[in-house]
Amino acid sequence: DAFLAGLELDAGREPETRKTVMADLETVHGSAF
């Protein structure tokens, strides 16, 4: 947090579909394993 604050970047947010994509990947990679 301190590192990012020192860079003075614009505020952001987590991508809305990120958790859905991660769940998809867990399924795909789990089946492959």
PDB file of all heavy atoms in Angstrom:
ATOM      1  N   ASP A   1       0.833  -1.211   0.000  1.00  0.00           N
ATOM      2  CA  ASP A   1       0.000   0.000   0.000  1.00  0.00           C
ATOM      3  C   ASP A   1       0.865   1.257   0.000  1.00  0.00           C
ATOM      4  O   ASP A   1       0.604   2.213  -0.744  1.00  0.00           O
ATOM      5  CB  ASP A   1      -0.911   0.002   1.230  1.00  0.00           C
ATOM      6  CG  ASP A   1      -2.128  -0.896   1.062  1.00  0.00           C
ATOM      7  OD1 ASP A   1      -2.469  -1.226  -0.086  1.00  0.00           O
ATOM      8  OD2 ASP A   1      -2.740  -1.261   2.086  1.00  0.00           O
ATOM      9  N   ALA A   2       1.895   1.264   0.841  1.00  0.00           N
ATOM     10  CA  ALA A   2       2.773   2.429   0.925  1.00  0.00           C
ATOM     11  C   ALA A   2       3.521   2.636  -0.388  1.00  0.00           C
ATOM     12  O   ALA A   2       3.720   3.776  -0.839  1.00  0.00           O
ATOM     13  CB  ALA A   2       3.761   2.259   2.081  1.00  0.00           C
ATOM     14  N   PHE A   3       3.922   1.549  -1.018  1.00  0.00           N
ATOM     15  CA  PHE A   3       4.629   1.617  -2.301  1.00  0.00           C
ATOM     16  C   PHE A   3       3.747   2.252  -3.362  1.00  0.00           C
ATOM     17  O   PHE A   3       4.164   3.178  -4.070  1.00  0.00           O
ATOM     18  CB  PHE A   3       5.035   0.199  -2.706  1.00  0.00           C
ATOM     19  CG  PHE A   3       5.696   0.105  -4.050  1.00  0.00           C
ATOM     20  CD1 PHE A   3       7.019   0.465  -4.227  1.00  0.00           C
ATOM     21  CD2 PHE A   3       4.989  -0.380  -5.148  1.00  0.00           C
ATOM     22  CE1 PHE A   3       7.626   0.356  -5.474  1.00  0.00           C
ATOM     23  CE2 PHE A   3       5.584  -0.496  -6.391  1.00  0.00           C
ATOM     24  CZ  PHE A   3       6.915  -0.118  -6.551  1.00  0.00           C
ATOM     25  N   LEU A   4       2.491   1.801  -3.483  1.00  0.00           N
ATOM     26  CA  LEU A   4       1.582   2.352  -4.483  1.00  0.00           C
ATOM     27  C   LEU A   4       1.246   3.813  -4.171  1.00  0.00           C
ATOM     28  O   LEU A   4       1.153   4.642  -5.087  1.00  0.00           O
ATOM     29  CB  LEU A   4       0.302   1.520  -4.543  1.00  0.00           C
ATOM     30  CG  LEU A   4       0.439   0.105  -5.129  1.00  0.00           C
ATOM     31  CD1 LEU A   4      -0.911  -0.616  -5.088  1.00  0.00           C
ATOM     32  CD2 LEU A   4       0.966   0.153  -6.560  1.00  0.00           C
ATOM     33  N   ALA A   5       1.063   4.115  -2.885  1.00  0.00           N
ATOM     34  CA  ALA A   5       0.755   5.497  -2.509  1.00  0.00           C
ATOM     35  C   ALA A   5       1.891   6.441  -2.916  1.00  0.00           C
ATOM     36  O   ALA A   5       1.650   7.565  -3.369  1.00  0.00           O
ATOM     37  CB  ALA A   5       0.495   5.581  -1.009  1.00  0.00           C
ATOM     38  N   GLY A   6       3.119   5.973  -2.783  1.00  0.00           N
ATOM     39  CA  GLY A   6       4.263   6.806  -3.136  1.00  0.00           C
ATOM     40  C   GLY A   6       4.378   7.076  -4.624  1.00  0.00           C
ATOM     41  O   GLY A   6       4.995   8.069  -5.029  1.00  0.00           O
ATOM     42  N   LEU A   7       3.767   6.219  -5.431  1.00  0.00           N
ATOM     43  CA  LEU A   7       3.808   6.424  -6.881  1.00  0.00           C
ATOM     44  C   LEU A   7       2.752   7.415  -7.364  1.00  0.00           C
ATOM     45  O   LEU A   7       2.781   7.848  -8.521  1.00  0.00           O
ATOM     46  CB  LEU A   7       3.616   5.079  -7.608  1.00  0.00           C
ATOM     47  CG  LEU A   7       4.738   4.061  -7.437  1.00  0.00           C
ATOM     48  CD1 LEU A   7       4.358   2.736  -8.084  1.00  0.00           C
ATOM     49  CD2 LEU A   7       6.041   4.580  -8.037  1.00  0.00           C
ATOM     50  N   GLU A   8       1.809   7.742  -6.491  1.00  0.00           N
ATOM     51  CA  GLU A   8       0.754   8.717  -6.800  1.00  0.00           C
ATOM     52  C   GLU A   8       0.004   8.356  -8.084  1.00  0.00           C
ATOM     53  O   GLU A   8      -0.166   9.177  -8.987  1.00  0.00           O
ATOM     54  CB  GLU A   8       1.344  10.128  -6.894  1.00  0.00           C
ATOM     55  CG  GLU A   8       1.970  10.603  -5.584  1.00  0.00           C
ATOM     56  CD  GLU A   8       2.506  12.025  -5.673  1.00  0.00           C
ATOM     57  OE1 GLU A   8       2.585  12.556  -6.797  1.00  0.00           O
ATOM     58  OE2 GLU A   8       2.832  12.608  -4.615  1.00  0.00           O
ATOM     59  N   LEU A   9      -0.454   7.127  -8.142  1.00  0.00           N
ATOM     60  CA  LEU A   9      -1.217   6.662  -9.292  1.00  0.00           C
ATOM     61  C   LEU A   9      -2.692   6.994  -9.124  1.00  0.00           C
ATOM     62  O   LEU A   9      -3.151   7.313  -8.019  1.00  0.00           O
ATOM     63  CB  LEU A   9      -1.050   5.138  -9.442  1.00  0.00           C
ATOM     64  CG  LEU A   9       0.382   4.623  -9.627  1.00  0.00           C
ATOM     65  CD1 LEU A   9       0.406   3.109  -9.583  1.00  0.00           C
ATOM     66  CD2 LEU A   9       0.967   5.128 -10.938  1.00  0.00           C
ATOM     67  N   ASP A  10      -3.428   6.906 -10.215  1.00  0.00           N
ATOM     68  CA  ASP A  10      -4.867   7.120 -10.139  1.00  0.00           C
ATOM     69  C   ASP A  10      -5.517   5.995  -9.349  1.00  0.00           C
ATOM     70  O   ASP A  10      -5.016   4.864  -9.296  1.00  0.00           O
ATOM     71  CB  ASP A  10      -5.483   7.162 -11.544  1.00  0.00           C
ATOM     72  CG  ASP A  10      -5.009   8.374 -12.349  1.00  0.00           C
ATOM     73  OD1 ASP A  10      -4.639   9.379 -11.729  1.00  0.00           O
ATOM     74  OD2 ASP A  10      -5.008   8.280 -13.597  1.00  0.00           O
ATOM     75  N   ALA A  11      -6.641   6.312  -8.724  1.00  0.00           N
ATOM     76  CA  ALA A  11      -7.391   5.280  -7.993  1.00  0.00           C
ATOM     77  C   ALA A  11      -7.959   4.268  -8.985  1.00  0.00           C
ATOM     78  O   ALA A  11      -8.273   4.595 -10.135  1.00  0.00           O
ATOM     79  CB  ALA A  11      -8.515   5.916  -7.184  1.00  0.00           C
ATOM     80  N   GLY A  12      -8.081   3.041  -8.541  1.00  0.00           N
ATOM     81  CA  GLY A  12      -8.612   1.994  -9.400  1.00  0.00           C
ATOM     82  C   GLY A  12      -9.577   1.115  -8.645  1.00  0.00           C
ATOM     83  O   GLY A  12      -9.905   1.361  -7.489  1.00  0.00           O
ATOM     84  N   ARG A  13     -10.007   0.055  -9.298  1.00  0.00           N
ATOM     85  CA  ARG A  13     -10.894  -0.904  -8.654  1.00  0.00           C
ATOM     86  C   ARG A  13     -10.658  -2.283  -9.253  1.00  0.00           C
ATOM     87  O   ARG A  13     -10.149  -2.423 -10.367  1.00  0.00           O
ATOM     88  CB  ARG A  13     -12.359  -0.505  -8.840  1.00  0.00           C
ATOM     89  CG  ARG A  13     -12.823  -0.454 -10.286  1.00  0.00           C
ATOM     90  CD  ARG A  13     -14.280  -0.076 -10.367  1.00  0.00           C
ATOM     91  NE  ARG A  13     -14.758  -0.080 -11.762  1.00  0.00           N
ATOM     92  CZ  ARG A  13     -16.004   0.154 -12.116  1.00  0.00           C
ATOM     93  NH1 ARG A  13     -16.908   0.435 -11.179  1.00  0.00           N
ATOM     94  NH2 ARG A  13     -16.359   0.122 -13.385  1.00  0.00           N
ATOM     95  N   GLU A  14     -11.046  -3.291  -8.525  1.00  0.00           N
ATOM     96  CA  GLU A  14     -10.880  -4.648  -9.016  1.00  0.00           C
ATOM     97  C   GLU A  14     -11.844  -4.899 -10.169  1.00  0.00           C
ATOM     98  O   GLU A  14     -13.009  -4.495 -10.100  1.00  0.00           O
ATOM     99  CB  GLU A  14     -11.140  -5.649  -7.883  1.00  0.00           C
ATOM    100  CG  GLU A  14     -10.865  -7.085  -8.267  1.00  0.00           C
ATOM    101  CD  GLU A  14     -10.797  -7.997  -7.063  1.00  0.00           C
ATOM    102  OE1 GLU A  14     -10.387  -7.536  -5.975  1.00  0.00           O
ATOM    103  OE2 GLU A  14     -11.146  -9.182  -7.218  1.00  0.00           O
ATOM    104  N   PRO A  15     -11.378  -5.544 -11.248  1.00  0.00           N
ATOM    105  CA  PRO A  15     -12.273  -5.818 -12.386  1.00  0.00           C
ATOM    106  C   PRO A  15     -13.514  -6.578 -11.946  1.00  0.00           C
ATOM    107  O   PRO A  15     -13.427  -7.522 -11.151  1.00  0.00           O
ATOM    108  CB  PRO A  15     -11.400  -6.675 -13.310  1.00  0.00           C
ATOM    109  CG  PRO A  15      -9.994  -6.283 -12.976  1.00  0.00           C
ATOM    110  CD  PRO A  15      -9.997  -5.995 -11.510  1.00  0.00           C
ATOM    111  N   GLU A  16     -14.661  -6.159 -12.453  1.00  0.00           N
ATOM    112  CA  GLU A  16     -15.920  -6.725 -12.002  1.00  0.00           C
ATOM    113  C   GLU A  16     -16.031  -8.225 -12.263  1.00  0.00           C
ATOM    114  O   GLU A  16     -16.636  -8.952 -11.475  1.00  0.00           O
ATOM    115  CB  GLU A  16     -17.090  -5.989 -12.685  1.00  0.00           C
ATOM    116  CG  GLU A  16     -17.221  -4.528 -12.261  1.00  0.00           C
ATOM    117  CD  GLU A  16     -18.381  -3.840 -12.946  1.00  0.00           C
ATOM    118  OE1 GLU A  16     -19.084  -4.508 -13.743  1.00  0.00           O
ATOM    119  OE2 GLU A  16     -18.595  -2.641 -12.694  1.00  0.00           O
ATOM    120  N   THR A  17     -15.480  -8.684 -13.360  1.00  0.00           N
ATOM    121  CA  THR A  17     -15.628 -10.100 -13.715  1.00  0.00           C
ATOM    122  C   THR A  17     -14.446 -10.951 -13.245  1.00  0.00           C
ATOM    123  O   THR A  17     -14.379 -12.142 -13.560  1.00  0.00           O
ATOM    124  CB  THR A  17     -15.769 -10.260 -15.240  1.00  0.00           C
ATOM    125  OG1 THR A  17     -14.587  -9.760 -15.887  1.00  0.00           O
ATOM    126  CG2 THR A  17     -16.991  -9.507 -15.751  1.00  0.00           C
ATOM    127  N   ARG A  18     -13.539 -10.374 -12.503  1.00  0.00           N
ATOM    128  CA  ARG A  18     -12.324 -11.092 -12.100  1.00  0.00           C
ATOM    129  C   ARG A  18     -12.634 -12.380 -11.344  1.00  0.00           C
ATOM    130  O   ARG A  18     -12.104 -13.450 -11.668  1.00  0.00           O
ATOM    131  CB  ARG A  18     -11.438 -10.185 -11.253  1.00  0.00           C
ATOM    132  CG  ARG A  18     -10.207 -10.876 -10.692  1.00  0.00           C
ATOM    133  CD  ARG A  18      -9.324  -9.886  -9.932  1.00  0.00           C
ATOM    134  NE  ARG A  18      -8.335 -10.564  -9.140  1.00  0.00           N
ATOM    135  CZ  ARG A  18      -7.228 -11.119  -9.624  1.00  0.00           C
ATOM    136  NH1 ARG A  18      -6.981 -11.061 -10.905  1.00  0.00           N
ATOM    137  NH2 ARG A  18      -6.375 -11.717  -8.835  1.00  0.00           N
ATOM    138  N   LYS A  19     -13.491 -12.308 -10.341  1.00  0.00           N
ATOM    139  CA  LYS A  19     -13.787 -13.501  -9.540  1.00  0.00           C
ATOM    140  C   LYS A  19     -14.464 -14.581 -10.373  1.00  0.00           C
ATOM    141  O   LYS A  19     -14.219 -15.782 -10.174  1.00  0.00           O
ATOM    142  CB  LYS A  19     -14.647 -13.123  -8.334  1.00  0.00           C
ATOM    143  CG  LYS A  19     -13.883 -12.358  -7.261  1.00  0.00           C
ATOM    144  CD  LYS A  19     -14.761 -12.074  -6.049  1.00  0.00           C
ATOM    145  CE  LYS A  19     -13.931 -11.503  -4.890  1.00  0.00           C
ATOM    146  NZ  LYS A  19     -13.229 -10.281  -5.251  1.00  0.00           N
ATOM    147  N   THR A  20     -15.291 -14.177 -11.327  1.00  0.00           N
ATOM    148  CA  THR A  20     -15.927 -15.156 -12.214  1.00  0.00           C
ATOM    149  C   THR A  20     -14.891 -15.848 -13.082  1.00  0.00           C
ATOM    150  O   THR A  20     -14.918 -17.072 -13.268  1.00  0.00           O
ATOM    151  CB  THR A  20     -16.977 -14.466 -13.103  1.00  0.00           C
ATOM    152  OG1 THR A  20     -17.963 -13.858 -12.269  1.00  0.00           O
ATOM    153  CG2 THR A  20     -17.643 -15.469 -14.025  1.00  0.00           C
ATOM    154  N   VAL A  21     -13.971 -15.063 -13.627  1.00  0.00           N
ATOM    155  CA  VAL A  21     -12.919 -15.622 -14.464  1.00  0.00           C
ATOM    156  C   VAL A  21     -12.036 -16.563 -13.646  1.00  0.00           C
ATOM    157  O   VAL A  21     -11.659 -17.653 -14.112  1.00  0.00           O
ATOM    158  CB  VAL A  21     -12.071 -14.502 -15.096  1.00  0.00           C
ATOM    159  CG1 VAL A  21     -10.882 -15.083 -15.834  1.00  0.00           C
ATOM    160  CG2 VAL A  21     -12.920 -13.670 -16.044  1.00  0.00           C
ATOM    161  N   MET A  22     -11.715 -16.179 -12.421  1.00  0.00           N
ATOM    162  CA  MET A  22     -10.895 -17.029 -11.564  1.00  0.00           C
ATOM    163  C   MET A  22     -11.597 -18.352 -11.277  1.00  0.00           C
ATOM    164  O   MET A  22     -10.969 -19.420 -11.287  1.00  0.00           O
ATOM    165  CB  MET A  22     -10.564 -16.298 -10.264  1.00  0.00           C
ATOM    166  CG  MET A  22      -9.611 -15.131 -10.436  1.00  0.00           C
ATOM    167  SD  MET A  22      -9.450 -14.097  -8.954  1.00  0.00           S
ATOM    168  CE  MET A  22      -8.630 -15.221  -7.828  1.00  0.00           C
ATOM    169  N   ALA A  23     -12.900 -18.299 -11.046  1.00  0.00           N
ATOM    170  CA  ALA A  23     -13.664 -19.528 -10.805  1.00  0.00           C
ATOM    171  C   ALA A  23     -13.656 -20.414 -12.051  1.00  0.00           C
ATOM    172  O   ALA A  23     -13.528 -21.647 -11.953  1.00  0.00           O
ATOM    173  CB  ALA A  23     -15.093 -19.190 -10.398  1.00  0.00           C
ATOM    174  N   ASP A  24     -13.788 -19.791 -13.227  1.00  0.00           N
ATOM    175  CA  ASP A  24     -13.718 -20.549 -14.478  1.00  0.00           C
ATOM    176  C   ASP A  24     -12.370 -21.249 -14.609  1.00  0.00           C
ATOM    177  O   ASP A  24     -12.283 -22.421 -15.005  1.00  0.00           O
ATOM    178  CB  ASP A  24     -13.926 -19.626 -15.681  1.00  0.00           C
ATOM    179  CG  ASP A  24     -15.352 -19.120 -15.801  1.00  0.00           C
ATOM    180  OD1 ASP A  24     -16.228 -19.692 -15.136  1.00  0.00           O
ATOM    181  OD2 ASP A  24     -15.571 -18.154 -16.555  1.00  0.00           O
ATOM    182  N   LEU A  25     -11.323 -20.517 -14.284  1.00  0.00           N
ATOM    183  CA  LEU A  25      -9.980 -21.082 -14.398  1.00  0.00           C
ATOM    184  C   LEU A  25      -9.780 -22.240 -13.425  1.00  0.00           C
ATOM    185  O   LEU A  25      -9.139 -23.243 -13.764  1.00  0.00           O
ATOM    186  CB  LEU A  25      -8.931 -20.010 -14.135  1.00  0.00           C
ATOM    187  CG  LEU A  25      -8.639 -19.038 -15.277  1.00  0.00           C
ATOM    188  CD1 LEU A  25      -7.620 -18.005 -14.832  1.00  0.00           C
ATOM    189  CD2 LEU A  25      -8.114 -19.789 -16.481  1.00  0.00           C
ATOM    190  N   GLU A  26     -10.301 -22.097 -12.216  1.00  0.00           N
ATOM    191  CA  GLU A  26     -10.191 -23.191 -11.247  1.00  0.00           C
ATOM    192  C   GLU A  26     -10.817 -24.465 -11.795  1.00  0.00           C
ATOM    193  O   GLU A  26     -10.270 -25.559 -11.630  1.00  0.00           O
ATOM    194  CB  GLU A  26     -10.852 -22.798  -9.922  1.00  0.00           C
ATOM    195  CG  GLU A  26     -10.029 -21.863  -9.072  1.00  0.00           C
ATOM    196  CD  GLU A  26     -10.649 -21.646  -7.702  1.00  0.00           C
ATOM    197  OE1 GLU A  26     -11.870 -21.396  -7.645  1.00  0.00           O
ATOM    198  OE2 GLU A  26      -9.912 -21.742  -6.698  1.00  0.00           O
ATOM    199  N   THR A  27     -11.955 -24.315 -12.444  1.00  0.00           N
ATOM    200  CA  THR A  27     -12.629 -25.477 -13.027  1.00  0.00           C
ATOM    201  C   THR A  27     -11.811 -26.079 -14.163  1.00  0.00           C
ATOM    202  O   THR A  27     -11.597 -27.296 -14.221  1.00  0.00           O
ATOM    203  CB  THR A  27     -14.024 -25.077 -13.538  1.00  0.00           C
ATOM    204  OG1 THR A  27     -14.805 -24.575 -12.447  1.00  0.00           O
ATOM    205  CG2 THR A  27     -14.734 -26.266 -14.149  1.00  0.00           C
ATOM    206  N   VAL A  28     -11.366 -25.219 -15.073  1.00  0.00           N
ATOM    207  CA  VAL A  28     -10.603 -25.687 -16.234  1.00  0.00           C
ATOM    208  C   VAL A  28      -9.301 -26.354 -15.788  1.00  0.00           C
ATOM    209  O   VAL A  28      -8.962 -27.468 -16.216  1.00  0.00           O
ATOM    210  CB  VAL A  28     -10.304 -24.515 -17.189  1.00  0.00           C
ATOM    211  CG1 VAL A  28      -9.314 -24.941 -18.265  1.00  0.00           C
ATOM    212  CG2 VAL A  28     -11.587 -24.011 -17.824  1.00  0.00           C
ATOM    213  N   HIS A  29      -8.557 -25.683 -14.911  1.00  0.00           N
ATOM    214  CA  HIS A  29      -7.273 -26.222 -14.473  1.00  0.00           C
ATOM    215  C   HIS A  29      -7.461 -27.442 -13.589  1.00  0.00           C
ATOM    216  O   HIS A  29      -6.632 -28.368 -13.608  1.00  0.00           O
ATOM    217  CB  HIS A  29      -6.483 -25.145 -13.734  1.00  0.00           C
ATOM    218  CG  HIS A  29      -5.956 -24.075 -14.632  1.00  0.00           C
ATOM    219  ND1 HIS A  29      -4.814 -23.356 -14.353  1.00  0.00           N
ATOM    220  CD2 HIS A  29      -6.401 -23.592 -15.818  1.00  0.00           C
ATOM    221  CE1 HIS A  29      -4.584 -22.480 -15.311  1.00  0.00           C
ATOM    222  NE2 HIS A  29      -5.543 -22.607 -16.204  1.00  0.00           N
ATOM    223  N   GLY A  30      -8.522 -27.449 -12.790  1.00  0.00           N
ATOM    224  CA  GLY A  30      -8.800 -28.609 -11.946  1.00  0.00           C
ATOM    225  C   GLY A  30      -9.067 -29.855 -12.773  1.00  0.00           C
ATOM    226  O   GLY A  30      -8.573 -30.947 -12.452  1.00  0.00           O
ATOM    227  N   SER A  31      -9.832 -29.707 -13.836  1.00  0.00           N
ATOM    228  CA  SER A  31     -10.112 -30.841 -14.722  1.00  0.00           C
ATOM    229  C   SER A  31      -8.834 -31.323 -15.398  1.00  0.00           C
ATOM    230  O   SER A  31      -8.606 -32.533 -15.536  1.00  0.00           O
ATOM    231  CB  SER A  31     -11.139 -30.444 -15.785  1.00  0.00           C
ATOM    232  OG  SER A  31     -12.388 -30.120 -15.190  1.00  0.00           O
ATOM    233  N   ALA A  32      -7.993 -30.377 -15.815  1.00  0.00           N
ATOM    234  CA  ALA A  32      -6.730 -30.741 -16.455  1.00  0.00           C
ATOM    235  C   ALA A  32      -5.828 -31.490 -15.477  1.00  0.00           C
ATOM    236  O   ALA A  32      -5.154 -32.461 -15.843  1.00  0.00           O
ATOM    237  CB  ALA A  32      -6.026 -29.490 -16.981  1.00  0.00           C
ATOM    238  N   PHE A  33      -5.812 -31.055 -14.225  1.00  0.00           N
ATOM    239  CA  PHE A  33      -4.992 -31.755 -13.228  1.00  0.00           C
ATOM    240  C   PHE A  33      -5.501 -33.161 -12.981  1.00  0.00           C
ATOM    241  O   PHE A  33      -4.710 -34.115 -12.881  1.00  0.00           O
ATOM    242  CB  PHE A  33      -4.953 -30.989 -11.909  1.00  0.00           C
ATOM    243  CG  PHE A  33      -4.299 -31.793 -10.797  1.00  0.00           C
ATOM    244  CD1 PHE A  33      -2.928 -31.957 -10.774  1.00  0.00           C
ATOM    245  CD2 PHE A  33      -5.066 -32.400  -9.816  1.00  0.00           C
ATOM    246  CE1 PHE A  33      -2.320 -32.723  -9.786  1.00  0.00           C
ATOM    247  CE2 PHE A  33      -4.475 -33.164  -8.831  1.00  0.00           C
ATOM    248  CZ  PHE A  33      -3.093 -33.324  -8.807  1.00  0.00           C
TER     249      PHE A  33
END
